[in-house]
mmCIF file of all heavy atoms, coordinates in Angstrom:
data_MODEL
# 
_entry.id   MODEL 
# 
loop_
_atom_site.group_PDB 
_atom_site.id 
_atom_site.type_symbol 
_atom_site.label_atom_id 
_atom_site.label_alt_id 
_atom_site.label_comp_id 
_atom_site.label_asym_id 
_atom_site.label_entity_id 
_atom_site.label_seq_id 
_atom_site.pdbx_PDB_ins_code 
_atom_site.Cartn_x 
_atom_site.Cartn_y 
_atom_site.Cartn_z 
_atom_site.occupancy 
_atom_site.B_iso_or_equiv 
_atom_site.pdbx_formal_charge 
_atom_site.auth_seq_id 
_atom_site.auth_comp_id 
_atom_site.auth_asym_id 
_atom_site.auth_atom_id 
_atom_site.pdbx_PDB_model_num 
ATOM 1   N N   . LEU A 1 1  ? 0.831   -1.201  0.000  1.00 0.00 ? 1  LEU A N   1 
ATOM 2   C CA  . LEU A 1 1  ? 0.000   0.000   0.000  1.00 0.00 ? 1  LEU A CA  1 
ATOM 3   C C   . LEU A 1 1  ? 0.869   1.256   0.000  1.00 0.00 ? 1  LEU A C   1 
ATOM 4   O O   . LEU A 1 1  ? 0.626   2.201   -0.760 1.00 0.00 ? 1  LEU A O   1 
ATOM 5   C CB  . LEU A 1 1  ? -0.915  0.002   1.230  1.00 0.00 ? 1  LEU A CB  1 
ATOM 6   C CG  . LEU A 1 1  ? -1.695  1.286   1.504  1.00 0.00 ? 1  LEU A CG  1 
ATOM 7   C CD1 . LEU A 1 1  ? -2.763  1.501   0.439  1.00 0.00 ? 1  LEU A CD1 1 
ATOM 8   C CD2 . LEU A 1 1  ? -2.345  1.228   2.892  1.00 0.00 ? 1  LEU A CD2 1 
ATOM 9   N N   . LEU A 1 2  ? 1.893   1.265   0.817  1.00 0.00 ? 2  LEU A N   1 
ATOM 10  C CA  . LEU A 1 2  ? 2.721   2.459   0.965  1.00 0.00 ? 2  LEU A CA  1 
ATOM 11  C C   . LEU A 1 2  ? 3.646   2.682   -0.227 1.00 0.00 ? 2  LEU A C   1 
ATOM 12  O O   . LEU A 1 2  ? 4.067   3.814   -0.478 1.00 0.00 ? 2  LEU A O   1 
ATOM 13  C CB  . LEU A 1 2  ? 3.551   2.355   2.253  1.00 0.00 ? 2  LEU A CB  1 
ATOM 14  C CG  . LEU A 1 2  ? 2.715   2.261   3.543  1.00 0.00 ? 2  LEU A CG  1 
ATOM 15  C CD1 . LEU A 1 2  ? 3.619   2.062   4.734  1.00 0.00 ? 2  LEU A CD1 1 
ATOM 16  C CD2 . LEU A 1 2  ? 1.855   3.498   3.712  1.00 0.00 ? 2  LEU A CD2 1 
ATOM 17  N N   . ASP A 1 3  ? 3.964   1.610   -0.961 1.00 0.00 ? 3  ASP A N   1 
ATOM 18  C CA  . ASP A 1 3  ? 4.822   1.755   -2.142 1.00 0.00 ? 3  ASP A CA  1 
ATOM 19  C C   . ASP A 1 3  ? 4.039   2.157   -3.384 1.00 0.00 ? 3  ASP A C   1 
ATOM 20  O O   . ASP A 1 3  ? 4.620   2.429   -4.428 1.00 0.00 ? 3  ASP A O   1 
ATOM 21  C CB  . ASP A 1 3  ? 5.551   0.433   -2.417 1.00 0.00 ? 3  ASP A CB  1 
ATOM 22  C CG  . ASP A 1 3  ? 6.629   0.159   -1.381 1.00 0.00 ? 3  ASP A CG  1 
ATOM 23  O OD1 . ASP A 1 3  ? 7.101   1.138   -0.768 1.00 0.00 ? 3  ASP A OD1 1 
ATOM 24  O OD2 . ASP A 1 3  ? 6.974   -1.014  -1.177 1.00 0.00 ? 3  ASP A OD2 1 
ATOM 25  N N   . GLY A 1 4  ? 2.716   2.210   -3.264 1.00 0.00 ? 4  GLY A N   1 
ATOM 26  C CA  . GLY A 1 4  ? 1.884   2.589   -4.389 1.00 0.00 ? 4  GLY A CA  1 
ATOM 27  C C   . GLY A 1 4  ? 1.852   4.091   -4.583 1.00 0.00 ? 4  GLY A C   1 
ATOM 28  O O   . GLY A 1 4  ? 2.638   4.835   -3.988 1.00 0.00 ? 4  GLY A O   1 
ATOM 29  N N   . PRO A 1 5  ? 0.931   4.573   -5.414 1.00 0.00 ? 5  PRO A N   1 
ATOM 30  C CA  . PRO A 1 5  ? 0.815   6.022   -5.651 1.00 0.00 ? 5  PRO A CA  1 
ATOM 31  C C   . PRO A 1 5  ? 0.557   6.760   -4.344 1.00 0.00 ? 5  PRO A C   1 
ATOM 32  O O   . PRO A 1 5  ? -0.174  6.247   -3.473 1.00 0.00 ? 5  PRO A O   1 
ATOM 33  C CB  . PRO A 1 5  ? -0.389  6.124   -6.602 1.00 0.00 ? 5  PRO A CB  1 
ATOM 34  C CG  . PRO A 1 5  ? -0.513  4.776   -7.222 1.00 0.00 ? 5  PRO A CG  1 
ATOM 35  C CD  . PRO A 1 5  ? -0.047  3.794   -6.185 1.00 0.00 ? 5  PRO A CD  1 
ATOM 36  N N   . PRO A 1 6  ? 1.130   7.935   -4.174 1.00 0.00 ? 6  PRO A N   1 
ATOM 37  C CA  . PRO A 1 6  ? 0.925   8.682   -2.930 1.00 0.00 ? 6  PRO A CA  1 
ATOM 38  C C   . PRO A 1 6  ? -0.543  9.054   -2.762 1.00 0.00 ? 6  PRO A C   1 
ATOM 39  O O   . PRO A 1 6  ? -1.208  9.450   -3.728 1.00 0.00 ? 6  PRO A O   1 
ATOM 40  C CB  . PRO A 1 6  ? 1.799   9.926   -3.103 1.00 0.00 ? 6  PRO A CB  1 
ATOM 41  C CG  . PRO A 1 6  ? 2.006   10.057  -4.577 1.00 0.00 ? 6  PRO A CG  1 
ATOM 42  C CD  . PRO A 1 6  ? 2.004   8.669   -5.125 1.00 0.00 ? 6  PRO A CD  1 
ATOM 43  N N   . PRO A 1 7  ? -1.084  8.894   -1.558 1.00 0.00 ? 7  PRO A N   1 
ATOM 44  C CA  . PRO A 1 7  ? -2.499  9.217   -1.337 1.00 0.00 ? 7  PRO A CA  1 
ATOM 45  C C   . PRO A 1 7  ? -2.745  10.715  -1.440 1.00 0.00 ? 7  PRO A C   1 
ATOM 46  O O   . PRO A 1 7  ? -1.855  11.531  -1.196 1.00 0.00 ? 7  PRO A O   1 
ATOM 47  C CB  . PRO A 1 7  ? -2.758  8.711   0.093  1.00 0.00 ? 7  PRO A CB  1 
ATOM 48  C CG  . PRO A 1 7  ? -1.412  8.735   0.749  1.00 0.00 ? 7  PRO A CG  1 
ATOM 49  C CD  . PRO A 1 7  ? -0.422  8.426   -0.328 1.00 0.00 ? 7  PRO A CD  1 
ATOM 50  N N   . SER A 1 8  ? -3.967  11.053  -1.832 1.00 0.00 ? 8  SER A N   1 
ATOM 51  C CA  . SER A 1 8  ? -4.321  12.464  -1.980 1.00 0.00 ? 8  SER A CA  1 
ATOM 52  C C   . SER A 1 8  ? -4.639  13.109  -0.641 1.00 0.00 ? 8  SER A C   1 
ATOM 53  O O   . SER A 1 8  ? -4.741  14.331  -0.548 1.00 0.00 ? 8  SER A O   1 
ATOM 54  C CB  . SER A 1 8  ? -5.521  12.599  -2.916 1.00 0.00 ? 8  SER A CB  1 
ATOM 55  O OG  . SER A 1 8  ? -6.628  11.870  -2.412 1.00 0.00 ? 8  SER A OG  1 
ATOM 56  N N   . ARG A 1 9  ? -4.812  12.310  0.389  1.00 0.00 ? 9  ARG A N   1 
ATOM 57  C CA  . ARG A 1 9  ? -5.079  12.835  1.724  1.00 0.00 ? 9  ARG A CA  1 
ATOM 58  C C   . ARG A 1 9  ? -4.434  11.920  2.752  1.00 0.00 ? 9  ARG A C   1 
ATOM 59  O O   . ARG A 1 9  ? -4.011  10.802  2.427  1.00 0.00 ? 9  ARG A O   1 
ATOM 60  C CB  . ARG A 1 9  ? -6.588  12.952  1.970  1.00 0.00 ? 9  ARG A CB  1 
ATOM 61  C CG  . ARG A 1 9  ? -7.383  11.709  1.653  1.00 0.00 ? 9  ARG A CG  1 
ATOM 62  C CD  . ARG A 1 9  ? -8.859  12.023  1.601  1.00 0.00 ? 9  ARG A CD  1 
ATOM 63  N NE  . ARG A 1 9  ? -9.647  10.866  1.170  1.00 0.00 ? 9  ARG A NE  1 
ATOM 64  C CZ  . ARG A 1 9  ? -10.643 10.338  1.866  1.00 0.00 ? 9  ARG A CZ  1 
ATOM 65  N NH1 . ARG A 1 9  ? -10.972 10.845  3.041  1.00 0.00 ? 9  ARG A NH1 1 
ATOM 66  N NH2 . ARG A 1 9  ? -11.315 9.301   1.398  1.00 0.00 ? 9  ARG A NH2 1 
ATOM 67  N N   . PRO A 1 10 ? -4.312  12.360  4.004  1.00 0.00 ? 10 PRO A N   1 
ATOM 68  C CA  . PRO A 1 10 ? -3.641  11.536  5.020  1.00 0.00 ? 10 PRO A CA  1 
ATOM 69  C C   . PRO A 1 10 ? -4.340  10.189  5.210  1.00 0.00 ? 10 PRO A C   1 
ATOM 70  O O   . PRO A 1 10 ? -5.554  10.070  5.027  1.00 0.00 ? 10 PRO A O   1 
ATOM 71  C CB  . PRO A 1 10 ? -3.725  12.395  6.283  1.00 0.00 ? 10 PRO A CB  1 
ATOM 72  C CG  . PRO A 1 10 ? -3.933  13.784  5.804  1.00 0.00 ? 10 PRO A CG  1 
ATOM 73  C CD  . PRO A 1 10 ? -4.718  13.674  4.537  1.00 0.00 ? 10 PRO A CD  1 
ATOM 74  N N   . LEU A 1 11 ? -3.543  9.203   5.608  1.00 0.00 ? 11 LEU A N   1 
ATOM 75  C CA  . LEU A 1 11 ? -4.051  7.855   5.843  1.00 0.00 ? 11 LEU A CA  1 
ATOM 76  C C   . LEU A 1 11 ? -4.186  7.593   7.340  1.00 0.00 ? 11 LEU A C   1 
ATOM 77  O O   . LEU A 1 11 ? -3.348  8.034   8.137  1.00 0.00 ? 11 LEU A O   1 
ATOM 78  C CB  . LEU A 1 11 ? -3.097  6.813   5.265  1.00 0.00 ? 11 LEU A CB  1 
ATOM 79  C CG  . LEU A 1 11 ? -3.131  6.531   3.768  1.00 0.00 ? 11 LEU A CG  1 
ATOM 80  C CD1 . LEU A 1 11 ? -1.984  5.585   3.412  1.00 0.00 ? 11 LEU A CD1 1 
ATOM 81  C CD2 . LEU A 1 11 ? -4.458  5.912   3.362  1.00 0.00 ? 11 LEU A CD2 1 
ATOM 82  N N   . ALA A 1 12 ? -5.223  6.853   7.718  1.00 0.00 ? 12 ALA A N   1 
ATOM 83  C CA  . ALA A 1 12 ? -5.364  6.345   9.075  1.00 0.00 ? 12 ALA A CA  1 
ATOM 84  C C   . ALA A 1 12 ? -5.571  4.840   8.971  1.00 0.00 ? 12 ALA A C   1 
ATOM 85  O O   . ALA A 1 12 ? -6.522  4.380   8.341  1.00 0.00 ? 12 ALA A O   1 
ATOM 86  C CB  . ALA A 1 12 ? -6.539  7.002   9.790  1.00 0.00 ? 12 ALA A CB  1 
ATOM 87  N N   . LEU A 1 13 ? -4.661  4.079   9.559  1.00 0.00 ? 13 LEU A N   1 
ATOM 88  C CA  . LEU A 1 13 ? -4.693  2.625   9.451  1.00 0.00 ? 13 LEU A CA  1 
ATOM 89  C C   . LEU A 1 13 ? -4.982  2.019   10.822 1.00 0.00 ? 13 LEU A C   1 
ATOM 90  O O   . LEU A 1 13 ? -4.238  2.246   11.775 1.00 0.00 ? 13 LEU A O   1 
ATOM 91  C CB  . LEU A 1 13 ? -3.356  2.100   8.926  1.00 0.00 ? 13 LEU A CB  1 
ATOM 92  C CG  . LEU A 1 13 ? -2.876  2.704   7.599  1.00 0.00 ? 13 LEU A CG  1 
ATOM 93  C CD1 . LEU A 1 13 ? -1.513  2.130   7.227  1.00 0.00 ? 13 LEU A CD1 1 
ATOM 94  C CD2 . LEU A 1 13 ? -3.883  2.432   6.485  1.00 0.00 ? 13 LEU A CD2 1 
ATOM 95  N N   . GLY A 1 14 ? -6.076  1.259   10.910 1.00 0.00 ? 14 GLY A N   1 
ATOM 96  C CA  . GLY A 1 14 ? -6.439  0.607   12.159 1.00 0.00 ? 14 GLY A CA  1 
ATOM 97  C C   . GLY A 1 14 ? -5.776  -0.753  12.268 1.00 0.00 ? 14 GLY A C   1 
ATOM 98  O O   . GLY A 1 14 ? -5.933  -1.604  11.390 1.00 0.00 ? 14 GLY A O   1 
ATOM 99  N N   . LEU A 1 15 ? -5.050  -0.960  13.349 1.00 0.00 ? 15 LEU A N   1 
ATOM 100 C CA  . LEU A 1 15 ? -4.284  -2.198  13.548 1.00 0.00 ? 15 LEU A CA  1 
ATOM 101 C C   . LEU A 1 15 ? -4.519  -2.719  14.962 1.00 0.00 ? 15 LEU A C   1 
ATOM 102 O O   . LEU A 1 15 ? -4.330  -1.987  15.938 1.00 0.00 ? 15 LEU A O   1 
ATOM 103 C CB  . LEU A 1 15 ? -2.788  -1.949  13.342 1.00 0.00 ? 15 LEU A CB  1 
ATOM 104 C CG  . LEU A 1 15 ? -2.365  -1.306  12.006 1.00 0.00 ? 15 LEU A CG  1 
ATOM 105 C CD1 . LEU A 1 15 ? -0.926  -0.837  12.077 1.00 0.00 ? 15 LEU A CD1 1 
ATOM 106 C CD2 . LEU A 1 15 ? -2.556  -2.294  10.862 1.00 0.00 ? 15 LEU A CD2 1 
ATOM 107 N N   . ASP A 1 16 ? -4.931  -3.983  15.077 1.00 0.00 ? 16 ASP A N   1 
ATOM 108 C CA  . ASP A 1 16 ? -5.036  -4.590  16.407 1.00 0.00 ? 16 ASP A CA  1 
ATOM 109 C C   . ASP A 1 16 ? -4.861  -6.095  16.287 1.00 0.00 ? 16 ASP A C   1 
ATOM 110 O O   . ASP A 1 16 ? -4.552  -6.626  15.212 1.00 0.00 ? 16 ASP A O   1 
ATOM 111 C CB  . ASP A 1 16 ? -6.347  -4.209  17.097 1.00 0.00 ? 16 ASP A CB  1 
ATOM 112 C CG  . ASP A 1 16 ? -7.586  -4.817  16.435 1.00 0.00 ? 16 ASP A CG  1 
ATOM 113 O OD1 . ASP A 1 16 ? -7.424  -5.665  15.524 1.00 0.00 ? 16 ASP A OD1 1 
ATOM 114 O OD2 . ASP A 1 16 ? -8.706  -4.457  16.826 1.00 0.00 ? 16 ASP A OD2 1 
ATOM 115 N N   . VAL A 1 17 ? -5.045  -6.791  17.399 1.00 0.00 ? 17 VAL A N   1 
ATOM 116 C CA  . VAL A 1 17 ? -4.742  -8.221  17.432 1.00 0.00 ? 17 VAL A CA  1 
ATOM 117 C C   . VAL A 1 17 ? -5.653  -9.027  16.520 1.00 0.00 ? 17 VAL A C   1 
ATOM 118 O O   . VAL A 1 17 ? -5.365  -10.195 16.235 1.00 0.00 ? 17 VAL A O   1 
ATOM 119 C CB  . VAL A 1 17 ? -4.834  -8.765  18.876 1.00 0.00 ? 17 VAL A CB  1 
ATOM 120 C CG1 . VAL A 1 17 ? -3.772  -8.129  19.747 1.00 0.00 ? 17 VAL A CG1 1 
ATOM 121 C CG2 . VAL A 1 17 ? -6.219  -8.544  19.465 1.00 0.00 ? 17 VAL A CG2 1 
ATOM 122 N N   . ARG A 1 18 ? -6.755  -8.437  16.070 1.00 0.00 ? 18 ARG A N   1 
ATOM 123 C CA  . ARG A 1 18 ? -7.654  -9.167  15.167 1.00 0.00 ? 18 ARG A CA  1 
ATOM 124 C C   . ARG A 1 18 ? -7.169  -9.142  13.726 1.00 0.00 ? 18 ARG A C   1 
ATOM 125 O O   . ARG A 1 18 ? -7.688  -9.866  12.881 1.00 0.00 ? 18 ARG A O   1 
ATOM 126 C CB  . ARG A 1 18 ? -9.065  -8.571  15.250 1.00 0.00 ? 18 ARG A CB  1 
ATOM 127 C CG  . ARG A 1 18 ? -9.740  -8.747  16.601 1.00 0.00 ? 18 ARG A CG  1 
ATOM 128 C CD  . ARG A 1 18 ? -11.015 -7.953  16.675 1.00 0.00 ? 18 ARG A CD  1 
ATOM 129 N NE  . ARG A 1 18 ? -10.744 -6.534  16.521 1.00 0.00 ? 18 ARG A NE  1 
ATOM 130 C CZ  . ARG A 1 18 ? -11.698 -5.604  16.420 1.00 0.00 ? 18 ARG A CZ  1 
ATOM 131 N NH1 . ARG A 1 18 ? -12.960 -5.976  16.425 1.00 0.00 ? 18 ARG A NH1 1 
ATOM 132 N NH2 . ARG A 1 18 ? -11.377 -4.331  16.297 1.00 0.00 ? 18 ARG A NH2 1 
ATOM 133 N N   . ASN A 1 19 ? -6.180  -8.278  13.446 1.00 0.00 ? 19 ASN A N   1 
ATOM 134 C CA  . ASN A 1 19 ? -5.619  -8.253  12.102 1.00 0.00 ? 19 ASN A CA  1 
ATOM 135 C C   . ASN A 1 19 ? -4.994  -9.603  11.757 1.00 0.00 ? 19 ASN A C   1 
ATOM 136 O O   . ASN A 1 19 ? -4.299  -10.207 12.578 1.00 0.00 ? 19 ASN A O   1 
ATOM 137 C CB  . ASN A 1 19 ? -4.522  -7.192  11.984 1.00 0.00 ? 19 ASN A CB  1 
ATOM 138 C CG  . ASN A 1 19 ? -5.074  -5.792  11.896 1.00 0.00 ? 19 ASN A CG  1 
ATOM 139 O OD1 . ASN A 1 19 ? -5.637  -5.294  12.857 1.00 0.00 ? 19 ASN A OD1 1 
ATOM 140 N ND2 . ASN A 1 19 ? -4.908  -5.160  10.742 1.00 0.00 ? 19 ASN A ND2 1 
ATOM 141 N N   . ARG A 1 20 ? -5.227  -10.036 10.518 1.00 0.00 ? 20 ARG A N   1 
ATOM 142 C CA  . ARG A 1 20 ? -4.564  -11.254 10.060 1.00 0.00 ? 20 ARG A CA  1 
ATOM 143 C C   . ARG A 1 20 ? -3.068  -11.007 10.045 1.00 0.00 ? 20 ARG A C   1 
ATOM 144 O O   . ARG A 1 20 ? -2.605  -9.952  9.653  1.00 0.00 ? 20 ARG A O   1 
ATOM 145 C CB  . ARG A 1 20 ? -5.069  -11.626 8.660  1.00 0.00 ? 20 ARG A CB  1 
ATOM 146 C CG  . ARG A 1 20 ? -4.651  -13.011 8.218  1.00 0.00 ? 20 ARG A CG  1 
ATOM 147 C CD  . ARG A 1 20 ? -5.297  -13.338 6.893  1.00 0.00 ? 20 ARG A CD  1 
ATOM 148 N NE  . ARG A 1 20 ? -4.756  -12.496 5.815  1.00 0.00 ? 20 ARG A NE  1 
ATOM 149 C CZ  . ARG A 1 20 ? -5.285  -12.426 4.600  1.00 0.00 ? 20 ARG A CZ  1 
ATOM 150 N NH1 . ARG A 1 20 ? -6.397  -13.102 4.337  1.00 0.00 ? 20 ARG A NH1 1 
ATOM 151 N NH2 . ARG A 1 20 ? -4.736  -11.678 3.671  1.00 0.00 ? 20 ARG A NH2 1 
ATOM 152 N N   . ASP A 1 21 ? -2.285  -11.935 10.486 1.00 0.00 ? 21 ASP A N   1 
ATOM 153 C CA  . ASP A 1 21 ? -0.824  -11.920 10.591 1.00 0.00 ? 21 ASP A CA  1 
ATOM 154 C C   . ASP A 1 21 ? -0.288  -10.791 11.480 1.00 0.00 ? 21 ASP A C   1 
ATOM 155 O O   . ASP A 1 21 ? 0.828   -10.323 11.300 1.00 0.00 ? 21 ASP A O   1 
ATOM 156 C CB  . ASP A 1 21 ? -0.148  -11.896 9.211  1.00 0.00 ? 21 ASP A CB  1 
ATOM 157 C CG  . ASP A 1 21 ? -0.301  -10.598 8.418  1.00 0.00 ? 21 ASP A CG  1 
ATOM 158 O OD1 . ASP A 1 21 ? -0.604  -9.546  9.005  1.00 0.00 ? 21 ASP A OD1 1 
ATOM 159 O OD2 . ASP A 1 21 ? -0.109  -10.651 7.191  1.00 0.00 ? 21 ASP A OD2 1 
ATOM 160 N N   . PHE A 1 22 ? -1.122  -10.352 12.457 1.00 0.00 ? 22 PHE A N   1 
ATOM 161 C CA  . PHE A 1 22 ? -0.651  -9.317  13.373 1.00 0.00 ? 22 PHE A CA  1 
ATOM 162 C C   . PHE A 1 22 ? 0.484   -9.856  14.231 1.00 0.00 ? 22 PHE A C   1 
ATOM 163 O O   . PHE A 1 22 ? 0.430   -10.979 14.735 1.00 0.00 ? 22 PHE A O   1 
ATOM 164 C CB  . PHE A 1 22 ? -1.785  -8.842  14.289 1.00 0.00 ? 22 PHE A CB  1 
ATOM 165 C CG  . PHE A 1 22 ? -1.363  -7.776  15.265 1.00 0.00 ? 22 PHE A CG  1 
ATOM 166 C CD1 . PHE A 1 22 ? -1.387  -6.439  14.908 1.00 0.00 ? 22 PHE A CD1 1 
ATOM 167 C CD2 . PHE A 1 22 ? -0.929  -8.114  16.539 1.00 0.00 ? 22 PHE A CD2 1 
ATOM 168 C CE1 . PHE A 1 22 ? -0.998  -5.457  15.803 1.00 0.00 ? 22 PHE A CE1 1 
ATOM 169 C CE2 . PHE A 1 22 ? -0.539  -7.138  17.440 1.00 0.00 ? 22 PHE A CE2 1 
ATOM 170 C CZ  . PHE A 1 22 ? -0.569  -5.807  17.066 1.00 0.00 ? 22 PHE A CZ  1 
ATOM 171 N N   . GLY A 1 23 ? 1.508   -9.039  14.403 1.00 0.00 ? 23 GLY A N   1 
ATOM 172 C CA  . GLY A 1 23 ? 2.616   -9.376  15.282 1.00 0.00 ? 23 GLY A CA  1 
ATOM 173 C C   . GLY A 1 23 ? 3.286   -8.104  15.779 1.00 0.00 ? 23 GLY A C   1 
ATOM 174 O O   . GLY A 1 23 ? 3.451   -7.147  15.011 1.00 0.00 ? 23 GLY A O   1 
ATOM 175 N N   . VAL A 1 24 ? 3.641   -8.055  17.046 1.00 0.00 ? 24 VAL A N   1 
ATOM 176 C CA  . VAL A 1 24 ? 4.236   -6.855  17.627 1.00 0.00 ? 24 VAL A CA  1 
ATOM 177 C C   . VAL A 1 24 ? 5.559   -6.523  16.958 1.00 0.00 ? 24 VAL A C   1 
ATOM 178 O O   . VAL A 1 24 ? 5.816   -5.364  16.584 1.00 0.00 ? 24 VAL A O   1 
ATOM 179 C CB  . VAL A 1 24 ? 4.410   -7.028  19.144 1.00 0.00 ? 24 VAL A CB  1 
ATOM 180 C CG1 . VAL A 1 24 ? 5.214   -5.873  19.717 1.00 0.00 ? 24 VAL A CG1 1 
ATOM 181 C CG2 . VAL A 1 24 ? 3.053   -7.110  19.829 1.00 0.00 ? 24 VAL A CG2 1 
# 
């Protein structure tokens, strides 16, 4: 996602233990 085209507005990414392949 971050290596793609730059976003036109700021990004907010929600991350928690329910994320697939989540790891600290």
